[in-house]
Amino acid sequence: MNLYDLFVKPYENYSAIQILLEASGTVFGILSVYFSIKKNIWVYPTGIISTLIYVYILFNFGLLGDCMINVYYTAMSVYGWILWSKNSKDHVHVDVSWATHKERIFAGVLFILSLGLVTLIYYYKPYIDNHFSMQGTNLGLYHLDWANWLDVITTSIFLVGMWFMARQRIENWIFWIIGDFICIPMMIFKELGITSVQYLVFTIMAILGYVNWKKSLKEKSTIKS
């Protein structure tokens, strides 16, 4: 696949507003990760704008199953925003730490439950994409390709990452790195070239975020000593 097939051909039938919206969702998504690296609460307003843009895009493309998952992300972002607001001394920045053993066990349970929930959404996706009508609809997982199965896994990975981030735990970056890296070929397959580049940038930024948060915690521990 050459650059034309990746970045031009998929958008030949798109309107200017559709291209602008996808680009805007990408920009706000990158801003969200940047603010997350800085431990800045603006991670959530920018992230919510990004996910809401994708909710609109996916809804208009008739991809209601994927649209519902982005609604799910938006709700998790609101939850994280509330927690960061409570735990921020200056209403902007938060302190970070490693997760406790109990939190890691909870994250594992959350991952398994999320796999089940997202698989259930995909089971009913033909019904959802048919505008909630059973006429001519066959329920099941027969319609899933490899990208959809990866989407089930990455959605669960991102949910755990969002939960760890809401709790200000360094482990969140490990989940973002894994999930973002998997999403690069998945978005290319879905012919969302701009979004695939976004996930490449996300992967690099997530690595930087992991290093930055670890360094921040180490410096805080040194000062206390």
Protein backbone atom coordinates (compact mmCIF):
# COMPACT_ATOMS: atom_id res chain seq x y z
CA MET A 1 0.00 0.00 0.00
CA ASN A 2 1.50 3.35 -1.10
CA LEU A 3 0.90 6.80 0.39
CA TYR A 4 -1.77 7.62 -2.20
CA ASP A 5 -3.80 4.52 -1.28
CA LEU A 6 -3.43 5.33 2.42
CA PHE A 7 -3.99 9.10 2.59
CA VAL A 8 -5.76 10.15 -0.62
CA LYS A 9 -7.85 7.36 -2.16
CA PRO A 10 -9.97 6.60 0.96
CA TYR A 11 -10.96 10.29 1.13
CA GLU A 12 -11.96 10.76 -2.53
CA ASN A 13 -15.64 10.34 -1.67
CA TYR A 14 -15.46 12.28 1.61
CA SER A 15 -16.81 15.80 1.91
CA ALA A 16 -14.56 18.63 3.09
CA ILE A 17 -16.39 18.76 6.42
CA GLN A 18 -15.85 15.01 6.98
CA ILE A 19 -12.11 15.36 6.38
CA LEU A 20 -11.97 18.46 8.59
CA LEU A 21 -13.80 16.65 11.40
CA GLU A 22 -11.46 13.64 11.31
CA ALA A 23 -8.44 15.96 11.29
CA SER A 24 -9.92 17.96 14.20
CA GLY A 25 -10.58 14.77 16.16
CA THR A 26 -6.94 13.81 15.60
CA VAL A 27 -5.62 17.21 16.74
CA PHE A 28 -7.69 17.21 19.92
CA GLY A 29 -6.70 13.60 20.57
CA ILE A 30 -3.01 14.51 20.33
CA LEU A 31 -3.56 17.53 22.59
CA SER A 32 -5.25 15.25 25.11
CA VAL A 33 -2.23 12.93 25.25
CA TYR A 34 0.11 15.94 25.53
CA PHE A 35 -1.80 17.26 28.55
CA SER A 36 -1.80 13.77 30.04
CA ILE A 37 2.01 13.66 29.82
CA LYS A 38 2.11 16.99 31.66
CA LYS A 39 -0.30 15.63 34.31
CA ASN A 40 -2.59 18.50 33.34
CA ILE A 41 -6.36 18.22 33.84
CA TRP A 42 -6.93 19.61 30.32
CA VAL A 43 -6.35 16.02 29.19
CA TYR A 44 -10.07 15.47 29.75
CA PRO A 45 -11.74 18.47 28.04
CA THR A 46 -9.61 17.96 24.92
CA GLY A 47 -10.13 14.19 25.05
CA ILE A 48 -13.90 14.58 25.35
CA ILE A 49 -13.98 16.89 22.31
CA SER A 50 -12.00 14.29 20.34
CA THR A 51 -14.25 11.36 21.27
CA LEU A 52 -17.43 13.37 20.65
CA ILE A 53 -16.16 14.25 17.16
CA TYR A 54 -15.64 10.55 16.48
CA VAL A 55 -19.09 9.79 17.88
CA TYR A 56 -20.51 12.17 15.26
CA ILE A 57 -18.35 10.77 12.44
CA LEU A 58 -19.15 7.14 13.21
CA PHE A 59 -22.86 7.87 13.67
CA ASN A 60 -23.05 9.55 10.26
CA PHE A 61 -21.22 6.62 8.66
CA GLY A 62 -23.82 4.30 10.17
CA LEU A 63 -21.22 2.58 12.36
CA LEU A 64 -23.43 2.70 15.44
CA GLY A 65 -21.57 -0.07 17.26
CA ASP A 66 -18.27 1.80 17.06
CA CYS A 67 -20.16 5.01 17.86
CA MET A 68 -21.47 3.52 21.11
CA ILE A 69 -17.93 2.51 22.12
CA ASN A 70 -16.80 6.13 21.70
CA VAL A 71 -19.75 7.24 23.86
CA TYR A 72 -18.33 4.78 26.39
CA TYR A 73 -14.92 6.49 26.14
CA THR A 74 -16.54 9.89 26.62
CA ALA A 75 -18.28 8.72 29.80
CA MET A 76 -14.98 7.36 31.15
CA SER A 77 -13.34 10.71 30.40
CA VAL A 78 -16.00 12.52 32.44
CA TYR A 79 -15.31 10.08 35.31
CA GLY A 80 -11.57 10.79 35.07
CA TRP A 81 -12.16 14.55 34.93
CA ILE A 82 -14.15 14.40 38.18
CA LEU A 83 -11.44 12.36 39.94
CA TRP A 84 -8.60 14.61 38.77
CA SER A 85 -10.56 17.69 39.88
CA LYS A 86 -10.92 16.23 43.37
CA ASN A 87 -7.26 15.18 43.62
CA SER A 88 -5.67 18.31 42.16
CA LYS A 89 -4.35 20.85 44.65
CA ASP A 90 -4.10 23.66 42.09
CA HIS A 91 -7.10 22.44 40.00
CA VAL A 92 -4.71 21.81 37.10
CA HIS A 93 -1.99 19.26 37.95
CA VAL A 94 -2.05 15.95 39.85
CA ASP A 95 0.49 13.74 41.61
CA VAL A 96 1.12 10.25 40.22
CA SER A 97 2.06 6.87 41.68
CA TRP A 98 2.22 3.15 40.92
CA ALA A 99 -0.97 1.10 41.33
CA THR A 100 -1.54 -0.97 44.44
CA HIS A 101 -1.87 -4.77 44.28
CA LYS A 102 -5.62 -4.45 44.82
CA GLU A 103 -5.94 -1.95 41.97
CA ARG A 104 -4.06 -4.28 39.60
CA ILE A 105 -6.42 -7.13 40.45
CA PHE A 106 -9.41 -4.82 39.85
CA ALA A 107 -7.87 -3.77 36.50
CA GLY A 108 -7.65 -7.43 35.46
CA VAL A 109 -11.32 -7.98 36.33
CA LEU A 110 -12.22 -4.77 34.49
CA PHE A 111 -10.37 -5.99 31.40
CA ILE A 112 -12.26 -9.30 31.36
CA LEU A 113 -15.63 -7.61 31.93
CA SER A 114 -14.86 -5.13 29.17
CA LEU A 115 -14.03 -7.95 26.74
CA GLY A 116 -17.44 -9.43 27.48
CA LEU A 117 -19.26 -6.10 27.13
CA VAL A 118 -17.61 -5.11 23.85
CA THR A 119 -18.14 -8.61 22.41
CA LEU A 120 -21.82 -8.28 23.37
CA ILE A 121 -22.02 -4.93 21.58
CA TYR A 122 -20.54 -6.53 18.47
CA TYR A 123 -23.01 -9.42 18.79
CA TYR A 124 -25.85 -6.91 18.56
CA LYS A 125 -24.00 -4.66 16.09
CA PRO A 126 -26.04 -5.81 13.03
CA TYR A 127 -29.18 -4.80 14.96
CA ILE A 128 -27.64 -1.50 16.08
CA ASP A 129 -26.30 -0.66 12.61
CA ASN A 130 -29.74 -1.44 11.15
CA HIS A 131 -31.09 1.43 13.25
CA PHE A 132 -32.35 -0.91 15.97
CA SER A 133 -34.51 -2.93 13.62
CA MET A 134 -34.56 -6.76 13.49
CA GLN A 135 -35.91 -6.74 9.93
CA GLY A 136 -33.37 -8.57 7.78
CA THR A 137 -30.93 -8.67 10.70
CA ASN A 138 -29.01 -11.73 11.87
CA LEU A 139 -27.40 -11.43 15.27
CA GLY A 140 -24.01 -12.97 15.99
CA LEU A 141 -20.27 -12.52 15.56
CA TYR A 142 -20.12 -13.87 11.99
CA HIS A 143 -19.56 -10.39 10.57
CA LEU A 144 -16.34 -9.73 12.50
CA ASP A 145 -13.01 -9.63 10.67
CA TRP A 146 -9.55 -9.56 12.25
CA ALA A 147 -9.71 -5.78 12.70
CA ASN A 148 -12.99 -6.06 14.61
CA TRP A 149 -11.55 -8.68 16.95
CA LEU A 150 -8.53 -6.46 17.51
CA ASP A 151 -10.96 -3.64 18.23
CA VAL A 152 -12.58 -5.75 20.96
CA ILE A 153 -9.16 -6.27 22.56
CA THR A 154 -7.93 -2.68 22.17
CA THR A 155 -11.18 -1.24 23.52
CA SER A 156 -10.69 -3.32 26.68
CA ILE A 157 -7.03 -2.29 26.86
CA PHE A 158 -7.95 1.38 26.55
CA LEU A 159 -10.69 1.09 29.17
CA VAL A 160 -8.17 -0.21 31.71
CA GLY A 161 -5.72 2.49 30.60
CA MET A 162 -8.37 5.18 31.12
CA TRP A 163 -9.19 3.78 34.56
CA PHE A 164 -5.52 3.78 35.61
CA MET A 165 -5.14 7.32 34.24
CA ALA A 166 -8.20 8.50 36.17
CA ARG A 167 -6.54 7.06 39.30
CA GLN A 168 -3.25 8.83 38.36
CA ARG A 169 -1.39 5.51 38.11
CA ILE A 170 1.75 5.18 35.99
CA GLU A 171 0.59 1.80 34.62
CA ASN A 172 -1.91 3.63 32.39
CA TRP A 173 0.88 4.36 29.90
CA ILE A 174 1.72 0.68 29.46
CA PHE A 175 -1.85 0.03 28.30
CA TRP A 176 -1.86 3.09 26.01
CA ILE A 177 1.43 2.01 24.38
CA ILE A 178 0.14 -1.51 23.66
CA GLY A 179 -3.31 -0.36 22.50
CA ASP A 180 -2.06 2.52 20.35
CA PHE A 181 0.51 0.32 18.60
CA ILE A 182 -2.13 -2.30 17.75
CA CYS A 183 -4.44 0.41 16.38
CA ILE A 184 -1.99 1.60 13.71
CA PRO A 185 -2.54 -1.31 11.25
CA MET A 186 -6.18 -1.59 12.31
CA MET A 187 -6.93 2.01 11.23
CA ILE A 188 -5.03 1.51 7.96
CA PHE A 189 -7.28 -1.50 7.29
CA LYS A 190 -10.36 0.63 8.06
CA GLU A 191 -9.08 3.22 5.53
CA LEU A 192 -8.70 5.92 8.19
CA GLY A 193 -5.22 7.09 7.19
CA ILE A 194 -5.27 10.29 9.25
CA THR A 195 -6.33 8.34 12.33
CA SER A 196 -3.59 5.72 11.78
CA VAL A 197 -1.00 8.51 11.90
CA GLN A 198 -2.68 9.76 15.06
CA TYR A 199 -2.11 6.38 16.71
CA LEU A 200 1.52 6.36 15.59
CA VAL A 201 1.96 9.74 17.28
CA PHE A 202 0.03 8.42 20.30
CA THR A 203 2.42 5.47 20.63
CA ILE A 204 5.46 7.74 20.67
CA MET A 205 3.81 10.17 23.09
CA ALA A 206 2.70 7.32 25.38
CA ILE A 207 6.31 6.14 25.65
CA LEU A 208 7.34 9.70 26.53
CA GLY A 209 4.48 9.89 29.04
CA TYR A 210 5.60 6.69 30.76
CA VAL A 211 9.15 8.01 31.07
CA ASN A 212 7.94 11.42 32.24
CA TRP A 213 5.60 10.08 34.95
CA LYS A 214 8.24 7.66 36.26
CA LYS A 215 10.77 10.50 36.40
CA SER A 216 8.25 12.74 38.19
CA LEU A 217 7.56 10.11 40.86
CA LYS A 218 11.28 9.45 41.34
CA GLU A 219 12.01 13.16 41.78
CA LYS A 220 9.16 13.46 44.30
CA SER A 221 10.50 10.48 46.26
CA THR A 222 14.01 12.00 46.26
CA ILE A 223 12.71 15.32 47.62
CA LYS A 224 10.83 13.52 50.43
CA SER A 225 13.98 11.59 51.33
